[in-house]
């Protein structure tokens, strides 16, 4: 979390949710290495981005991870990762990683 976000989101705010997430990671330890939890909607709100019309695209630049918001595209060819979000019905990525 960043910049005071832990006061409105995160394990100290959504205790029951995170307890269940940790239980799932304990039950499926291999998944622990594949997934993370982020607050992309909160980040988008702070930046004035609408996740209904825009999506985050993440790229790697040396030792930096850079995320920029772009208009949503109908298709994407090949991606290293996708971040799904329930408000977008799990079938829609809200963040892509570029190759």
PDB file of N, CA and C in Angstrom:
ATOM      1  N   UNK A   1       0.842  -1.178   0.000  1.00  0.00           N
ATOM      2  CA  UNK A   1       0.000   0.000   0.000  1.00  0.00           C
ATOM      3  C   UNK A   1       0.889   1.242   0.000  1.00  0.00           C
ATOM      4  N   UNK A   2       0.308   2.307  -0.376  1.00  0.00           N
ATOM      5  CA  UNK A   2       1.106   3.528  -0.509  1.00  0.00           C
ATOM      6  C   UNK A   2       0.365   4.733   0.030  1.00  0.00           C
ATOM      7  N   UNK A   3       1.113   5.630   0.504  1.00  0.00           N
ATOM      8  CA  UNK A   3       0.666   7.015   0.684  1.00  0.00           C
ATOM      9  C   UNK A   3      -0.625   7.157   1.494  1.00  0.00           C
ATOM     10  N   UNK A   4      -0.762   6.408   2.558  1.00  0.00           N
ATOM     11  CA  UNK A   4      -1.958   6.498   3.382  1.00  0.00           C
ATOM     12  C   UNK A   4      -3.087   5.587   2.944  1.00  0.00           C
ATOM     13  N   UNK A   5      -2.871   4.809   1.858  1.00  0.00           N
ATOM     14  CA  UNK A   5      -3.914   3.907   1.382  1.00  0.00           C
ATOM     15  C   UNK A   5      -4.305   2.885   2.435  1.00  0.00           C
ATOM     16  N   UNK A   6      -3.344   2.498   3.292  1.00  0.00           N
ATOM     17  CA  UNK A   6      -3.622   1.473   4.294  1.00  0.00           C
ATOM     18  C   UNK A   6      -4.660   1.923   5.309  1.00  0.00           C
ATOM     19  N   UNK A   7      -5.016   3.192   5.288  1.00  0.00           N
ATOM     20  CA  UNK A   7      -6.057   3.686   6.188  1.00  0.00           C
ATOM     21  C   UNK A   7      -7.452   3.422   5.631  1.00  0.00           C
ATOM     22  N   UNK A   8      -7.558   3.167   4.300  1.00  0.00           N
ATOM     23  CA  UNK A   8      -8.879   2.962   3.701  1.00  0.00           C
ATOM     24  C   UNK A   8      -9.016   1.618   2.996  1.00  0.00           C
ATOM     25  N   UNK A   9      -7.895   0.951   2.716  1.00  0.00           N
ATOM     26  CA  UNK A   9      -7.925  -0.381   2.108  1.00  0.00           C
ATOM     27  C   UNK A   9      -6.814  -1.224   2.720  1.00  0.00           C
ATOM     28  N   UNK A  10      -6.914  -2.525   2.534  1.00  0.00           N
ATOM     29  CA  UNK A  10      -5.834  -3.400   2.975  1.00  0.00           C
ATOM     30  C   UNK A  10      -6.216  -4.307   4.124  1.00  0.00           C
ATOM     31  N   UNK A  11      -5.264  -5.101   4.599  1.00  0.00           N
ATOM     32  CA  UNK A  11      -5.523  -6.111   5.630  1.00  0.00           C
ATOM     33  C   UNK A  11      -6.026  -5.563   6.952  1.00  0.00           C
ATOM     34  N   UNK A  12      -5.691  -4.323   7.286  1.00  0.00           N
ATOM     35  CA  UNK A  12      -6.175  -3.780   8.558  1.00  0.00           C
ATOM     36  C   UNK A  12      -7.584  -3.226   8.437  1.00  0.00           C
ATOM     37  N   UNK A  13      -8.048  -3.017   7.208  1.00  0.00           N
ATOM     38  CA  UNK A  13      -9.397  -2.488   6.977  1.00  0.00           C
ATOM     39  C   UNK A  13     -10.366  -3.622   6.640  1.00  0.00           C
ATOM     40  N   UNK A  14      -9.972  -4.477   5.719  1.00  0.00           N
ATOM     41  CA  UNK A  14     -10.813  -5.590   5.268  1.00  0.00           C
ATOM     42  C   UNK A  14     -10.293  -6.896   5.866  1.00  0.00           C
ATOM     43  N   UNK A  15     -10.339  -6.974   7.173  1.00  0.00           N
ATOM     44  CA  UNK A  15      -9.726  -8.077   7.921  1.00  0.00           C
ATOM     45  C   UNK A  15     -10.284  -9.432   7.495  1.00  0.00           C
ATOM     46  N   UNK A  16     -11.601  -9.573   7.439  1.00  0.00           N
ATOM     47  CA  UNK A  16     -12.195 -10.871   7.105  1.00  0.00           C
ATOM     48  C   UNK A  16     -11.810 -11.312   5.698  1.00  0.00           C
ATOM     49  N   UNK A  17     -11.845 -10.383   4.752  1.00  0.00           N
ATOM     50  CA  UNK A  17     -11.474 -10.700   3.374  1.00  0.00           C
ATOM     51  C   UNK A  17     -10.040 -11.216   3.308  1.00  0.00           C
ATOM     52  N   UNK A  18      -9.113 -10.474   3.896  1.00  0.00           N
ATOM     53  CA  UNK A  18      -7.710 -10.873   3.828  1.00  0.00           C
ATOM     54  C   UNK A  18      -7.444 -12.157   4.603  1.00  0.00           C
ATOM     55  N   UNK A  19      -8.175 -12.405   5.675  1.00  0.00           N
ATOM     56  CA  UNK A  19      -8.042 -13.672   6.398  1.00  0.00           C
ATOM     57  C   UNK A  19      -8.372 -14.832   5.468  1.00  0.00           C
ATOM     58  N   UNK A  20      -9.446 -14.692   4.698  1.00  0.00           N
ATOM     59  CA  UNK A  20      -9.829 -15.745   3.758  1.00  0.00           C
ATOM     60  C   UNK A  20      -8.827 -15.870   2.612  1.00  0.00           C
ATOM     61  N   UNK A  21      -8.289 -14.754   2.148  1.00  0.00           N
ATOM     62  CA  UNK A  21      -7.269 -14.801   1.092  1.00  0.00           C
ATOM     63  C   UNK A  21      -6.047 -15.555   1.588  1.00  0.00           C
ATOM     64  N   UNK A  22      -5.588 -15.231   2.800  1.00  0.00           N
ATOM     65  CA  UNK A  22      -4.407 -15.924   3.343  1.00  0.00           C
ATOM     66  C   UNK A  22      -4.695 -17.415   3.490  1.00  0.00           C
ATOM     67  N   UNK A  23      -5.916 -17.766   3.897  1.00  0.00           N
ATOM     68  CA  UNK A  23      -6.280 -19.188   4.004  1.00  0.00           C
ATOM     69  C   UNK A  23      -6.200 -19.865   2.640  1.00  0.00           C
ATOM     70  N   UNK A  24      -6.674 -19.178   1.613  1.00  0.00           N
ATOM     71  CA  UNK A  24      -6.608 -19.745   0.256  1.00  0.00           C
ATOM     72  C   UNK A  24      -5.158 -19.934  -0.173  1.00  0.00           C
ATOM     73  N   UNK A  25      -4.299 -18.956   0.122  1.00  0.00           N
ATOM     74  CA  UNK A  25      -2.882 -19.095  -0.215  1.00  0.00           C
ATOM     75  C   UNK A  25      -2.245 -20.236   0.569  1.00  0.00           C
ATOM     76  N   UNK A  26      -2.671 -20.435   1.818  1.00  0.00           N
ATOM     77  CA  UNK A  26      -2.153 -21.557   2.600  1.00  0.00           C
ATOM     78  C   UNK A  26      -2.601 -22.888   1.994  1.00  0.00           C
ATOM     79  N   UNK A  27      -3.835 -22.918   1.508  1.00  0.00           N
ATOM     80  CA  UNK A  27      -4.380 -24.138   0.915  1.00  0.00           C
ATOM     81  C   UNK A  27      -3.735 -24.434  -0.440  1.00  0.00           C
ATOM     82  N   UNK A  28      -3.397 -23.399  -1.190  1.00  0.00           N
ATOM     83  CA  UNK A  28      -2.804 -23.533  -2.523  1.00  0.00           C
ATOM     84  C   UNK A  28      -1.469 -22.787  -2.563  1.00  0.00           C
ATOM     85  N   UNK A  29      -0.428 -23.337  -1.935  1.00  0.00           N
ATOM     86  CA  UNK A  29       0.844 -22.613  -1.811  1.00  0.00           C
ATOM     87  C   UNK A  29       1.485 -22.246  -3.148  1.00  0.00           C
ATOM     88  N   UNK A  30       1.269 -23.041  -4.197  1.00  0.00           N
ATOM     89  CA  UNK A  30       1.841 -22.686  -5.501  1.00  0.00           C
ATOM     90  C   UNK A  30       1.229 -21.397  -6.044  1.00  0.00           C
ATOM     91  N   UNK A  31      -0.019 -21.148  -5.721  1.00  0.00           N
ATOM     92  CA  UNK A  31      -0.687 -19.929  -6.189  1.00  0.00           C
ATOM     93  C   UNK A  31      -0.096 -18.689  -5.530  1.00  0.00           C
ATOM     94  N   UNK A  32       0.427 -18.840  -4.346  1.00  0.00           N
ATOM     95  CA  UNK A  32       1.025 -17.708  -3.623  1.00  0.00           C
ATOM     96  C   UNK A  32       2.125 -17.051  -4.452  1.00  0.00           C
ATOM     97  N   UNK A  33       2.826 -17.845  -5.248  1.00  0.00           N
ATOM     98  CA  UNK A  33       3.919 -17.316  -6.067  1.00  0.00           C
ATOM     99  C   UNK A  33       3.429 -16.680  -7.364  1.00  0.00           C
ATOM    100  N   UNK A  34       2.166 -16.875  -7.704  1.00  0.00           N
ATOM    101  CA  UNK A  34       1.641 -16.404  -8.987  1.00  0.00           C
ATOM    102  C   UNK A  34       0.817 -15.129  -8.903  1.00  0.00           C
ATOM    103  N   UNK A  35       0.236 -14.839  -7.752  1.00  0.00           N
ATOM    104  CA  UNK A  35      -0.744 -13.763  -7.664  1.00  0.00           C
ATOM    105  C   UNK A  35      -0.390 -12.756  -6.580  1.00  0.00           C
ATOM    106  N   UNK A  36      -0.906 -11.559  -6.749  1.00  0.00           N
ATOM    107  CA  UNK A  36      -0.762 -10.519  -5.732  1.00  0.00           C
ATOM    108  C   UNK A  36      -2.064  -9.734  -5.671  1.00  0.00           C
ATOM    109  N   UNK A  37      -2.194  -8.941  -4.646  1.00  0.00           N
ATOM    110  CA  UNK A  37      -3.378  -8.104  -4.473  1.00  0.00           C
ATOM    111  C   UNK A  37      -2.941  -6.656  -4.578  1.00  0.00           C
ATOM    112  N   UNK A  38      -3.659  -5.904  -5.372  1.00  0.00           N
ATOM    113  CA  UNK A  38      -3.341  -4.477  -5.478  1.00  0.00           C
ATOM    114  C   UNK A  38      -4.624  -3.666  -5.404  1.00  0.00           C
ATOM    115  N   UNK A  39      -4.470  -2.384  -5.341  1.00  0.00           N
ATOM    116  CA  UNK A  39      -5.616  -1.481  -5.246  1.00  0.00           C
ATOM    117  C   UNK A  39      -5.698  -0.616  -6.501  1.00  0.00           C
ATOM    118  N   UNK A  40      -5.684  -1.267  -7.660  1.00  0.00           N
ATOM    119  CA  UNK A  40      -5.728  -0.533  -8.917  1.00  0.00           C
ATOM    120  C   UNK A  40      -6.916   0.430  -8.992  1.00  0.00           C
ATOM    121  N   UNK A  41      -8.125   0.041  -8.589  1.00  0.00           N
ATOM    122  CA  UNK A  41      -9.218   1.017  -8.638  1.00  0.00           C
ATOM    123  C   UNK A  41      -8.942   2.265  -7.802  1.00  0.00           C
ATOM    124  N   UNK A  42      -8.296   2.100  -6.650  1.00  0.00           N
ATOM    125  CA  UNK A  42      -7.959   3.257  -5.823  1.00  0.00           C
ATOM    126  C   UNK A  42      -6.914   4.118  -6.526  1.00  0.00           C
ATOM    127  N   UNK A  43      -5.916   3.468  -7.124  1.00  0.00           N
ATOM    128  CA  UNK A  43      -4.900   4.215  -7.866  1.00  0.00           C
ATOM    129  C   UNK A  43      -5.540   4.975  -9.020  1.00  0.00           C
ATOM    130  N   UNK A  44      -6.424   4.311  -9.739  1.00  0.00           N
ATOM    131  CA  UNK A  44      -7.088   4.949 -10.876  1.00  0.00           C
ATOM    132  C   UNK A  44      -7.913   6.146 -10.417  1.00  0.00           C
ATOM    133  N   UNK A  45      -8.607   5.991  -9.307  1.00  0.00           N
ATOM    134  CA  UNK A  45      -9.414   7.097  -8.793  1.00  0.00           C
ATOM    135  C   UNK A  45      -8.535   8.298  -8.469  1.00  0.00           C
ATOM    136  N   UNK A  46      -7.413   8.050  -7.820  1.00  0.00           N
ATOM    137  CA  UNK A  46      -6.505   9.155  -7.472  1.00  0.00           C
ATOM    138  C   UNK A  46      -5.975   9.866  -8.710  1.00  0.00           C
ATOM    139  N   UNK A  47      -5.843   9.117  -9.807  1.00  0.00           N
ATOM    140  CA  UNK A  47      -5.325   9.695 -11.050  1.00  0.00           C
ATOM    141  C   UNK A  47      -6.430  10.216 -11.966  1.00  0.00           C
ATOM    142  N   UNK A  48      -7.685  10.023 -11.570  1.00  0.00           N
ATOM    143  CA  UNK A  48      -8.796  10.485 -12.393  1.00  0.00           C
ATOM    144  C   UNK A  48      -9.036   9.619 -13.617  1.00  0.00           C
ATOM    145  N   UNK A  49      -8.749   8.327 -13.496  1.00  0.00           N
ATOM    146  CA  UNK A  49      -8.903   7.394 -14.610  1.00  0.00           C
ATOM    147  C   UNK A  49     -10.193   6.604 -14.428  1.00  0.00           C
ATOM    148  N   UNK A  50     -10.920   6.384 -15.516  1.00  0.00           N
ATOM    149  CA  UNK A  50     -12.154   5.609 -15.497  1.00  0.00           C
ATOM    150  C   UNK A  50     -11.840   4.196 -15.984  1.00  0.00           C
ATOM    151  N   UNK A  51     -11.906   3.200 -15.115  1.00  0.00           N
ATOM    152  CA  UNK A  51     -11.563   1.833 -15.488  1.00  0.00           C
ATOM    153  C   UNK A  51     -12.602   1.187 -16.393  1.00  0.00           C
ATOM    154  N   UNK A  52     -13.732   1.842 -16.599  1.00  0.00           N
ATOM    155  CA  UNK A  52     -14.708   1.335 -17.566  1.00  0.00           C
ATOM    156  C   UNK A  52     -14.248   1.618 -18.993  1.00  0.00           C
ATOM    157  N   UNK A  53     -13.514   2.712 -19.178  1.00  0.00           N
ATOM    158  CA  UNK A  53     -13.093   3.105 -20.524  1.00  0.00           C
ATOM    159  C   UNK A  53     -11.587   3.011 -20.722  1.00  0.00           C
ATOM    160  N   UNK A  54     -10.830   2.970 -19.647  1.00  0.00           N
ATOM    161  CA  UNK A  54      -9.373   2.912 -19.727  1.00  0.00           C
ATOM    162  C   UNK A  54      -8.868   1.657 -19.030  1.00  0.00           C
ATOM    163  N   UNK A  55      -7.676   1.231 -19.413  1.00  0.00           N
ATOM    164  CA  UNK A  55      -7.047   0.091 -18.766  1.00  0.00           C
ATOM    165  C   UNK A  55      -5.598   0.432 -18.485  1.00  0.00           C
ATOM    166  N   UNK A  56      -5.059  -0.207 -17.485  1.00  0.00           N
ATOM    167  CA  UNK A  56      -3.659   0.012 -17.130  1.00  0.00           C
ATOM    168  C   UNK A  56      -2.796  -0.929 -17.957  1.00  0.00           C
ATOM    169  N   UNK A  57      -1.712  -0.403 -18.487  1.00  0.00           N
ATOM    170  CA  UNK A  57      -0.739  -1.208 -19.221  1.00  0.00           C
ATOM    171  C   UNK A  57       0.590  -1.049 -18.502  1.00  0.00           C
ATOM    172  N   UNK A  58       1.149  -2.163 -18.072  1.00  0.00           N
ATOM    173  CA  UNK A  58       2.389  -2.146 -17.304  1.00  0.00           C
ATOM    174  C   UNK A  58       3.537  -2.621 -18.181  1.00  0.00           C
ATOM    175  N   UNK A  59       4.651  -1.913 -18.085  1.00  0.00           N
ATOM    176  CA  UNK A  59       5.849  -2.334 -18.808  1.00  0.00           C
ATOM    177  C   UNK A  59       7.032  -2.281 -17.854  1.00  0.00           C
ATOM    178  N   UNK A  60       8.065  -3.000 -18.225  1.00  0.00           N
ATOM    179  CA  UNK A  60       9.267  -3.073 -17.406  1.00  0.00           C
ATOM    180  C   UNK A  60      10.367  -2.278 -18.083  1.00  0.00           C
ATOM    181  N   UNK A  61      11.017  -1.425 -17.317  1.00  0.00           N
ATOM    182  CA  UNK A  61      12.100  -0.585 -17.819  1.00  0.00           C
ATOM    183  C   UNK A  61      13.266  -0.727 -16.841  1.00  0.00           C
ATOM    184  N   UNK A  62      14.173  -1.655 -17.152  1.00  0.00           N
ATOM    185  CA  UNK A  62      15.263  -1.938 -16.217  1.00  0.00           C
ATOM    186  C   UNK A  62      14.713  -2.485 -14.920  1.00  0.00           C
ATOM    187  N   UNK A  63      14.992  -1.798 -13.811  1.00  0.00           N
ATOM    188  CA  UNK A  63      14.494  -2.247 -12.510  1.00  0.00           C
ATOM    189  C   UNK A  63      13.235  -1.501 -12.094  1.00  0.00           C
ATOM    190  N   UNK A  64      12.580  -0.851 -13.049  1.00  0.00           N
ATOM    191  CA  UNK A  64      11.348  -0.099 -12.755  1.00  0.00           C
ATOM    192  C   UNK A  64      10.142  -0.768 -13.402  1.00  0.00           C
ATOM    193  N   UNK A  65       9.010  -0.683 -12.736  1.00  0.00           N
ATOM    194  CA  UNK A  65       7.739  -1.133 -13.289  1.00  0.00           C
ATOM    195  C   UNK A  65       6.923   0.127 -13.546  1.00  0.00           C
ATOM    196  N   UNK A  66       6.531   0.340 -14.795  1.00  0.00           N
ATOM    197  CA  UNK A  66       5.822   1.562 -15.173  1.00  0.00           C
ATOM    198  C   UNK A  66       4.416   1.193 -15.630  1.00  0.00           C
ATOM    199  N   UNK A  67       3.418   1.809 -15.023  1.00  0.00           N
ATOM    200  CA  UNK A  67       2.030   1.573 -15.391  1.00  0.00           C
ATOM    201  C   UNK A  67       1.443   2.860 -15.938  1.00  0.00           C
ATOM    202  N   UNK A  68       0.858   2.761 -17.131  1.00  0.00           N
ATOM    203  CA  UNK A  68       0.200   3.901 -17.760  1.00  0.00           C
ATOM    204  C   UNK A  68      -1.218   3.491 -18.125  1.00  0.00           C
ATOM    205  N   UNK A  69      -2.135   4.438 -18.127  1.00  0.00           N
ATOM    206  CA  UNK A  69      -3.518   4.151 -18.476  1.00  0.00           C
ATOM    207  C   UNK A  69      -3.770   4.565 -19.913  1.00  0.00           C
ATOM    208  N   UNK A  70      -4.436   3.667 -20.657  1.00  0.00           N
ATOM    209  CA  UNK A  70      -4.729   3.894 -22.064  1.00  0.00           C
ATOM    210  C   UNK A  70      -6.185   3.544 -22.321  1.00  0.00           C
ATOM    211  N   UNK A  71      -6.753   4.052 -23.429  1.00  0.00           N
ATOM    212  CA  UNK A  71      -8.124   3.643 -23.775  1.00  0.00           C
ATOM    213  C   UNK A  71      -8.187   2.125 -23.944  1.00  0.00           C
ATOM    214  N   UNK A  72      -9.273   1.551 -23.466  1.00  0.00           N
ATOM    215  CA  UNK A  72      -9.468   0.108 -23.562  1.00  0.00           C
ATOM    216  C   UNK A  72      -9.467  -0.325 -25.021  1.00  0.00           C
ATOM    217  N   UNK A  73      -8.794  -1.416 -25.317  1.00  0.00           N
ATOM    218  CA  UNK A  73      -8.754  -1.946 -26.676  1.00  0.00           C
ATOM    219  C   UNK A  73      -9.556  -3.234 -26.733  1.00  0.00           C
ATOM    220  N   UNK A  74     -10.146  -3.492 -27.878  1.00  0.00           N
ATOM    221  CA  UNK A  74     -10.981  -4.681 -28.032  1.00  0.00           C
ATOM    222  C   UNK A  74     -10.159  -5.962 -27.958  1.00  0.00           C
ATOM    223  N   UNK A  75      -8.928  -5.917 -28.418  1.00  0.00           N
ATOM    224  CA  UNK A  75      -8.126  -7.137 -28.403  1.00  0.00           C
ATOM    225  C   UNK A  75      -6.695  -6.823 -27.986  1.00  0.00           C
ATOM    226  N   UNK A  76      -6.054  -7.824 -27.500  1.00  0.00           N
ATOM    227  CA  UNK A  76      -4.624  -7.760 -27.196  1.00  0.00           C
ATOM    228  C   UNK A  76      -4.035  -9.080 -27.673  1.00  0.00           C
ATOM    229  N   UNK A  77      -2.876  -9.061 -28.250  1.00  0.00           N
ATOM    230  CA  UNK A  77      -2.293 -10.272 -28.819  1.00  0.00           C
ATOM    231  C   UNK A  77      -1.780 -11.207 -27.728  1.00  0.00           C
ATOM    232  N   UNK A  78      -0.596 -10.977 -27.225  1.00  0.00           N
ATOM    233  CA  UNK A  78       0.008 -11.867 -26.237  1.00  0.00           C
ATOM    234  C   UNK A  78       0.447 -11.026 -25.045  1.00  0.00           C
ATOM    235  N   UNK A  79       0.197 -11.533 -23.865  1.00  0.00           N
ATOM    236  CA  UNK A  79       0.509 -10.764 -22.667  1.00  0.00           C
ATOM    237  C   UNK A  79       1.191 -11.632 -21.635  1.00  0.00           C
ATOM    238  N   UNK A  80       2.039 -11.001 -20.866  1.00  0.00           N
ATOM    239  CA  UNK A  80       2.716 -11.708 -19.787  1.00  0.00           C
ATOM    240  C   UNK A  80       1.814 -11.830 -18.570  1.00  0.00           C
ATOM    241  N   UNK A  81       0.923 -10.886 -18.380  1.00  0.00           N
ATOM    242  CA  UNK A  81       0.056 -10.955 -17.205  1.00  0.00           C
ATOM    243  C   UNK A  81      -1.232 -10.192 -17.447  1.00  0.00           C
ATOM    244  N   UNK A  82      -2.174 -10.455 -16.615  1.00  0.00           N
ATOM    245  CA  UNK A  82      -3.462  -9.772 -16.653  1.00  0.00           C
ATOM    246  C   UNK A  82      -3.938  -9.635 -15.216  1.00  0.00           C
ATOM    247  N   UNK A  83      -4.484  -8.484 -14.876  1.00  0.00           N
ATOM    248  CA  UNK A  83      -5.081  -8.303 -13.554  1.00  0.00           C
ATOM    249  C   UNK A  83      -6.588  -8.205 -13.743  1.00  0.00           C
ATOM    250  N   UNK A  84      -7.302  -9.170 -13.178  1.00  0.00           N
ATOM    251  CA  UNK A  84      -8.752  -9.203 -13.294  1.00  0.00           C
ATOM    252  C   UNK A  84      -9.368  -8.468 -12.127  1.00  0.00           C
ATOM    253  N   UNK A  85     -10.591  -8.017 -12.321  1.00  0.00           N
ATOM    254  CA  UNK A  85     -11.285  -7.320 -11.246  1.00  0.00           C
ATOM    255  C   UNK A  85     -12.753  -7.693 -11.281  1.00  0.00           C
ATOM    256  N   UNK A  86     -13.310  -8.044 -10.152  1.00  0.00           N
ATOM    257  CA  UNK A  86     -14.713  -8.449 -10.060  1.00  0.00           C
ATOM    258  C   UNK A  86     -15.662  -7.401 -10.605  1.00  0.00           C
ATOM    259  N   UNK A  87     -15.459  -6.115 -10.341  1.00  0.00           N
ATOM    260  CA  UNK A  87     -16.402  -5.151 -10.914  1.00  0.00           C
ATOM    261  C   UNK A  87     -16.471  -5.231 -12.437  1.00  0.00           C
ATOM    262  N   UNK A  88     -15.465  -5.818 -13.038  1.00  0.00           N
ATOM    263  CA  UNK A  88     -15.456  -5.973 -14.489  1.00  0.00           C
ATOM    264  C   UNK A  88     -15.762  -7.423 -14.850  1.00  0.00           C
ATOM    265  N   UNK A  89     -16.424  -8.124 -13.967  1.00  0.00           N
ATOM    266  CA  UNK A  89     -16.961  -9.465 -14.189  1.00  0.00           C
ATOM    267  C   UNK A  89     -15.904 -10.517 -14.483  1.00  0.00           C
ATOM    268  N   UNK A  90     -14.720 -10.386 -13.923  1.00  0.00           N
ATOM    269  CA  UNK A  90     -13.635 -11.362 -13.999  1.00  0.00           C
ATOM    270  C   UNK A  90     -13.187 -11.679 -15.413  1.00  0.00           C
ATOM    271  N   UNK A  91     -13.975 -11.362 -16.424  1.00  0.00           N
ATOM    272  CA  UNK A  91     -13.575 -11.693 -17.784  1.00  0.00           C
ATOM    273  C   UNK A  91     -12.811 -10.579 -18.464  1.00  0.00           C
ATOM    274  N   UNK A  92     -12.623  -9.491 -17.777  1.00  0.00           N
ATOM    275  CA  UNK A  92     -11.997  -8.324 -18.386  1.00  0.00           C
ATOM    276  C   UNK A  92     -10.783  -7.908 -17.578  1.00  0.00           C
ATOM    277  N   UNK A  93      -9.662  -7.781 -18.247  1.00  0.00           N
ATOM    278  CA  UNK A  93      -8.460  -7.320 -17.557  1.00  0.00           C
ATOM    279  C   UNK A  93      -8.559  -5.829 -17.282  1.00  0.00           C
ATOM    280  N   UNK A  94      -8.092  -5.415 -16.142  1.00  0.00           N
ATOM    281  CA  UNK A  94      -7.999  -3.986 -15.849  1.00  0.00           C
ATOM    282  C   UNK A  94      -6.556  -3.518 -15.961  1.00  0.00           C
ATOM    283  N   UNK A  95      -5.613  -4.466 -15.968  1.00  0.00           N
ATOM    284  CA  UNK A  95      -4.202  -4.111 -16.134  1.00  0.00           C
ATOM    285  C   UNK A  95      -3.530  -5.194 -16.974  1.00  0.00           C
ATOM    286  N   UNK A  96      -2.810  -4.774 -18.004  1.00  0.00           N
ATOM    287  CA  UNK A  96      -2.041  -5.670 -18.860  1.00  0.00           C
ATOM    288  C   UNK A  96      -0.566  -5.398 -18.671  1.00  0.00           C
ATOM    289  N   UNK A  97       0.237  -6.384 -18.918  1.00  0.00           N
ATOM    290  CA  UNK A  97       1.687  -6.201 -18.955  1.00  0.00           C
ATOM    291  C   UNK A  97       2.142  -6.338 -20.397  1.00  0.00           C
ATOM    292  N   UNK A  98       2.931  -5.398 -20.836  1.00  0.00           N
ATOM    293  CA  UNK A  98       3.466  -5.481 -22.185  1.00  0.00           C
ATOM    294  C   UNK A  98       4.628  -6.448 -22.216  1.00  0.00           C
ATOM    295  N   UNK A  99       4.916  -6.977 -23.396  1.00  0.00           N
ATOM    296  CA  UNK A  99       6.050  -7.889 -23.548  1.00  0.00           C
ATOM    297  C   UNK A  99       7.336  -7.120 -23.469  1.00  0.00           C
TER     298      UNK A  99
END
